[in-house]
Amino acid sequence: MPEKENCKETQIYEGDPDLFNFDEEVEPMLNVLCSKTLEQARMEVLEETEQAIIKSQQKQYEEMVNAELIVAQRYEAAELRCKEETQRRKVQNKARKE
């Protein structure tokens, strides 16, 4: 059985330039991942807020349109009543004259 102590493949020297330093190598990638994730989350929150505002504005607009429609219908109904009243009075006057 050969001795492993002299095997160069298992020897690790401090300061070896070919050695992978986890903390040094991973930190920049981790920073990028974290910043991208936070930016994406921020954009999603802004988008949800914007959608809520748009929905609220649409609801206000629909309420305003419905209120204007009700007012228009009241004016039309009042105008129709006036025309009917005028027509009824003409018929009464005509009947009185005869």
N, C-alpha and C. Protein backbone atom coordinates (compact mmCIF):
# COMPACT_ATOMS: atom_id res chain seq x y z
N MET A 1 0.85 -1.17 0.00
CA MET A 1 0.00 0.00 0.00
C MET A 1 0.90 1.24 0.00
N PRO A 2 0.80 2.11 -1.04
CA PRO A 2 1.66 3.29 -1.12
C PRO A 2 1.23 4.34 -0.10
N GLU A 3 2.20 5.11 0.34
CA GLU A 3 1.91 6.14 1.33
C GLU A 3 1.32 7.37 0.62
N LYS A 4 0.29 7.94 1.21
CA LYS A 4 -0.40 9.11 0.64
C LYS A 4 0.28 10.42 1.07
N GLU A 5 1.14 10.38 2.02
CA GLU A 5 1.76 11.59 2.54
C GLU A 5 2.60 12.28 1.49
N ASN A 6 3.22 11.57 0.60
CA ASN A 6 4.09 12.16 -0.41
C ASN A 6 3.36 12.46 -1.73
N CYS A 7 2.08 12.17 -1.79
CA CYS A 7 1.30 12.39 -3.01
C CYS A 7 1.03 13.88 -3.18
N LYS A 8 1.49 14.47 -4.29
CA LYS A 8 1.33 15.89 -4.52
C LYS A 8 -0.14 16.28 -4.76
N GLU A 9 -0.97 15.35 -5.20
CA GLU A 9 -2.37 15.64 -5.49
C GLU A 9 -3.17 15.97 -4.24
N THR A 10 -2.73 15.56 -3.11
CA THR A 10 -3.47 15.82 -1.88
C THR A 10 -2.89 16.96 -1.07
N GLN A 11 -1.82 17.53 -1.54
CA GLN A 11 -1.19 18.60 -0.77
C GLN A 11 -1.81 19.94 -1.13
N ILE A 12 -2.14 20.72 -0.11
CA ILE A 12 -2.70 22.05 -0.29
C ILE A 12 -1.80 23.01 0.47
N TYR A 13 -1.32 24.02 -0.25
CA TYR A 13 -0.43 25.00 0.36
C TYR A 13 -1.19 26.32 0.54
N GLU A 14 -1.00 26.93 1.67
CA GLU A 14 -1.60 28.23 1.95
C GLU A 14 -1.04 29.25 0.96
N GLY A 15 -1.91 30.04 0.35
CA GLY A 15 -1.47 31.06 -0.60
C GLY A 15 -1.26 30.53 -2.00
N ASP A 16 -1.66 29.31 -2.27
CA ASP A 16 -1.54 28.73 -3.60
C ASP A 16 -2.44 29.53 -4.56
N PRO A 17 -1.92 30.14 -5.63
CA PRO A 17 -2.72 30.97 -6.53
C PRO A 17 -3.77 30.17 -7.31
N ASP A 18 -3.58 28.87 -7.45
CA ASP A 18 -4.54 28.05 -8.18
C ASP A 18 -5.67 27.55 -7.29
N LEU A 19 -5.55 27.79 -6.01
CA LEU A 19 -6.54 27.30 -5.06
C LEU A 19 -7.78 28.21 -5.08
N PHE A 20 -8.94 27.60 -5.09
CA PHE A 20 -10.22 28.32 -5.10
C PHE A 20 -10.51 28.84 -3.70
N ASN A 21 -10.62 30.18 -3.57
CA ASN A 21 -10.96 30.80 -2.29
C ASN A 21 -12.46 31.10 -2.32
N PHE A 22 -13.23 30.31 -1.60
CA PHE A 22 -14.69 30.39 -1.66
C PHE A 22 -15.20 31.79 -1.33
N ASP A 23 -14.76 32.36 -0.21
CA ASP A 23 -15.26 33.67 0.21
C ASP A 23 -14.97 34.75 -0.83
N GLU A 24 -13.79 34.75 -1.36
CA GLU A 24 -13.39 35.74 -2.34
C GLU A 24 -14.13 35.57 -3.67
N GLU A 25 -14.28 34.33 -4.11
CA GLU A 25 -14.86 34.05 -5.43
C GLU A 25 -16.38 34.16 -5.43
N VAL A 26 -17.02 33.82 -4.33
CA VAL A 26 -18.48 33.74 -4.30
C VAL A 26 -19.12 35.08 -3.93
N GLU A 27 -18.46 35.88 -3.14
CA GLU A 27 -19.05 37.14 -2.67
C GLU A 27 -19.55 38.03 -3.80
N PRO A 28 -18.79 38.29 -4.88
CA PRO A 28 -19.33 39.14 -5.96
C PRO A 28 -20.57 38.54 -6.63
N MET A 29 -20.56 37.24 -6.83
CA MET A 29 -21.72 36.59 -7.45
C MET A 29 -22.93 36.67 -6.53
N LEU A 30 -22.70 36.47 -5.24
CA LEU A 30 -23.77 36.54 -4.27
C LEU A 30 -24.34 37.96 -4.19
N ASN A 31 -23.48 38.96 -4.25
CA ASN A 31 -23.94 40.35 -4.25
C ASN A 31 -24.82 40.64 -5.46
N VAL A 32 -24.41 40.16 -6.62
CA VAL A 32 -25.20 40.38 -7.84
C VAL A 32 -26.54 39.68 -7.73
N LEU A 33 -26.54 38.44 -7.27
CA LEU A 33 -27.80 37.70 -7.12
C LEU A 33 -28.74 38.39 -6.14
N CYS A 34 -28.20 38.82 -5.02
CA CYS A 34 -29.03 39.50 -4.01
C CYS A 34 -29.59 40.81 -4.55
N SER A 35 -28.76 41.59 -5.20
CA SER A 35 -29.23 42.88 -5.71
C SER A 35 -30.28 42.69 -6.81
N LYS A 36 -30.08 41.69 -7.68
CA LYS A 36 -31.06 41.42 -8.73
C LYS A 36 -32.38 40.95 -8.13
N THR A 37 -32.30 40.10 -7.12
CA THR A 37 -33.51 39.60 -6.47
C THR A 37 -34.27 40.74 -5.79
N LEU A 38 -33.54 41.59 -5.10
CA LEU A 38 -34.18 42.73 -4.44
C LEU A 38 -34.80 43.69 -5.46
N GLU A 39 -34.12 43.92 -6.55
CA GLU A 39 -34.63 44.81 -7.59
C GLU A 39 -35.90 44.23 -8.21
N GLN A 40 -35.90 42.92 -8.45
CA GLN A 40 -37.09 42.27 -9.02
C GLN A 40 -38.26 42.35 -8.04
N ALA A 41 -38.00 42.12 -6.77
CA ALA A 41 -39.06 42.21 -5.76
C ALA A 41 -39.60 43.64 -5.68
N ARG A 42 -38.71 44.62 -5.74
CA ARG A 42 -39.12 46.03 -5.71
C ARG A 42 -40.01 46.36 -6.90
N MET A 43 -39.62 45.86 -8.07
CA MET A 43 -40.42 46.12 -9.28
C MET A 43 -41.80 45.48 -9.17
N GLU A 44 -41.87 44.28 -8.61
CA GLU A 44 -43.16 43.62 -8.44
C GLU A 44 -44.06 44.40 -7.49
N VAL A 45 -43.49 44.90 -6.41
CA VAL A 45 -44.27 45.69 -5.46
C VAL A 45 -44.77 46.97 -6.12
N LEU A 46 -43.91 47.64 -6.88
CA LEU A 46 -44.33 48.86 -7.59
C LEU A 46 -45.44 48.56 -8.60
N GLU A 47 -45.30 47.44 -9.28
CA GLU A 47 -46.30 47.05 -10.26
C GLU A 47 -47.65 46.77 -9.59
N GLU A 48 -47.63 46.07 -8.47
CA GLU A 48 -48.87 45.78 -7.74
C GLU A 48 -49.51 47.07 -7.24
N THR A 49 -48.69 48.00 -6.76
CA THR A 49 -49.21 49.28 -6.29
C THR A 49 -49.83 50.05 -7.44
N GLU A 50 -49.16 50.06 -8.57
CA GLU A 50 -49.67 50.74 -9.75
C GLU A 50 -50.99 50.14 -10.21
N GLN A 51 -51.09 48.81 -10.19
CA GLN A 51 -52.33 48.15 -10.58
C GLN A 51 -53.46 48.50 -9.62
N ALA A 52 -53.16 48.59 -8.33
CA ALA A 52 -54.18 48.96 -7.35
C ALA A 52 -54.66 50.39 -7.59
N ILE A 53 -53.75 51.29 -7.92
CA ILE A 53 -54.11 52.68 -8.21
C ILE A 53 -54.98 52.75 -9.46
N ILE A 54 -54.60 52.01 -10.49
CA ILE A 54 -55.37 52.00 -11.74
C ILE A 54 -56.78 51.46 -11.49
N LYS A 55 -56.88 50.39 -10.71
CA LYS A 55 -58.18 49.81 -10.40
C LYS A 55 -59.05 50.80 -9.64
N SER A 56 -58.45 51.52 -8.71
CA SER A 56 -59.18 52.53 -7.94
C SER A 56 -59.66 53.66 -8.85
N GLN A 57 -58.79 54.10 -9.76
CA GLN A 57 -59.17 55.17 -10.69
C GLN A 57 -60.29 54.71 -11.62
N GLN A 58 -60.23 53.46 -12.06
CA GLN A 58 -61.29 52.93 -12.92
C GLN A 58 -62.62 52.90 -12.19
N LYS A 59 -62.59 52.51 -10.91
CA LYS A 59 -63.81 52.46 -10.12
C LYS A 59 -64.39 53.87 -9.96
N GLN A 60 -63.54 54.85 -9.68
CA GLN A 60 -64.01 56.23 -9.55
C GLN A 60 -64.59 56.72 -10.87
N TYR A 61 -63.93 56.39 -11.97
CA TYR A 61 -64.42 56.81 -13.28
C TYR A 61 -65.79 56.20 -13.58
N GLU A 62 -65.94 54.91 -13.29
CA GLU A 62 -67.23 54.24 -13.53
C GLU A 62 -68.32 54.85 -12.67
N GLU A 63 -68.00 55.18 -11.41
CA GLU A 63 -68.99 55.81 -10.54
C GLU A 63 -69.40 57.18 -11.08
N MET A 64 -68.42 57.93 -11.59
CA MET A 64 -68.71 59.25 -12.15
C MET A 64 -69.58 59.13 -13.40
N VAL A 65 -69.25 58.17 -14.26
CA VAL A 65 -70.03 57.97 -15.49
C VAL A 65 -71.45 57.55 -15.13
N ASN A 66 -71.60 56.67 -14.16
CA ASN A 66 -72.94 56.22 -13.74
C ASN A 66 -73.74 57.39 -13.15
N ALA A 67 -73.08 58.24 -12.36
CA ALA A 67 -73.77 59.40 -11.78
C ALA A 67 -74.23 60.35 -12.89
N GLU A 68 -73.37 60.59 -13.89
CA GLU A 68 -73.74 61.46 -15.01
C GLU A 68 -74.88 60.85 -15.82
N LEU A 69 -74.87 59.54 -15.97
CA LEU A 69 -75.94 58.86 -16.69
C LEU A 69 -77.27 59.02 -15.96
N ILE A 70 -77.24 58.90 -14.64
CA ILE A 70 -78.46 59.06 -13.84
C ILE A 70 -79.00 60.49 -13.99
N VAL A 71 -78.11 61.48 -13.94
CA VAL A 71 -78.53 62.87 -14.11
C VAL A 71 -79.14 63.07 -15.50
N ALA A 72 -78.50 62.52 -16.52
CA ALA A 72 -79.01 62.65 -17.89
C ALA A 72 -80.38 61.99 -18.01
N GLN A 73 -80.56 60.84 -17.39
CA GLN A 73 -81.85 60.16 -17.44
C GLN A 73 -82.93 60.98 -16.72
N ARG A 74 -82.56 61.64 -15.64
CA ARG A 74 -83.53 62.49 -14.92
C ARG A 74 -83.95 63.67 -15.80
N TYR A 75 -82.97 64.29 -16.48
CA TYR A 75 -83.30 65.40 -17.38
C TYR A 75 -84.20 64.93 -18.52
N GLU A 76 -83.91 63.77 -19.07
CA GLU A 76 -84.73 63.24 -20.16
C GLU A 76 -86.14 62.94 -19.67
N ALA A 77 -86.24 62.38 -18.47
CA ALA A 77 -87.56 62.07 -17.91
C ALA A 77 -88.34 63.36 -17.64
N ALA A 78 -87.66 64.38 -17.12
CA ALA A 78 -88.33 65.66 -16.86
C ALA A 78 -88.78 66.29 -18.17
N GLU A 79 -87.93 66.23 -19.20
CA GLU A 79 -88.29 66.79 -20.51
C GLU A 79 -89.49 66.05 -21.09
N LEU A 80 -89.51 64.74 -20.95
CA LEU A 80 -90.63 63.94 -21.45
C LEU A 80 -91.91 64.30 -20.71
N ARG A 81 -91.82 64.48 -19.38
CA ARG A 81 -93.01 64.87 -18.61
C ARG A 81 -93.52 66.23 -19.06
N CYS A 82 -92.60 67.16 -19.32
CA CYS A 82 -93.01 68.49 -19.80
C CYS A 82 -93.71 68.40 -21.15
N LYS A 83 -93.17 67.60 -22.05
CA LYS A 83 -93.79 67.44 -23.38
C LYS A 83 -95.17 66.81 -23.24
N GLU A 84 -95.28 65.80 -22.39
CA GLU A 84 -96.58 65.14 -22.19
C GLU A 84 -97.59 66.11 -21.57
N GLU A 85 -97.11 66.91 -20.61
CA GLU A 85 -98.00 67.89 -19.97
C GLU A 85 -98.47 68.93 -20.99
N THR A 86 -97.54 69.40 -21.83
CA THR A 86 -97.88 70.37 -22.87
C THR A 86 -98.89 69.77 -23.84
N GLN A 87 -98.67 68.54 -24.23
CA GLN A 87 -99.57 67.85 -25.15
C GLN A 87 -100.94 67.67 -24.51
N ARG A 88 -100.97 67.31 -23.24
CA ARG A 88 -102.23 67.10 -22.52
C ARG A 88 -103.00 68.42 -22.42
N ARG A 89 -102.31 69.52 -22.16
CA ARG A 89 -102.97 70.83 -22.06
C ARG A 89 -103.52 71.27 -23.42
N LYS A 90 -102.77 70.97 -24.48
CA LYS A 90 -103.28 71.31 -25.82
C LYS A 90 -104.58 70.57 -26.11
N VAL A 91 -104.58 69.29 -25.72
CA VAL A 91 -105.80 68.48 -25.93
C VAL A 91 -106.93 69.04 -25.09
N GLN A 92 -106.68 69.44 -23.84
CA GLN A 92 -107.72 70.00 -22.98
C GLN A 92 -108.24 71.32 -23.54
N ASN A 93 -107.34 72.18 -24.01
CA ASN A 93 -107.75 73.45 -24.61
C ASN A 93 -108.61 73.22 -25.85
N LYS A 94 -108.19 72.29 -26.66
CA LYS A 94 -108.94 71.98 -27.86
C LYS A 94 -110.34 71.45 -27.50
N ALA A 95 -110.39 70.61 -26.46
CA ALA A 95 -111.66 70.05 -26.02
C ALA A 95 -112.54 71.16 -25.44
N ARG A 96 -112.00 72.10 -24.72
CA ARG A 96 -112.76 73.21 -24.15
C ARG A 96 -113.33 74.10 -25.23
N LYS A 97 -112.55 74.36 -26.27
CA LYS A 97 -112.98 75.22 -27.37
C LYS A 97 -114.13 74.57 -28.16
N GLU A 98 -114.11 73.27 -28.24
CA GLU A 98 -115.15 72.60 -29.00
C GLU A 98 -116.38 72.54 -28.17
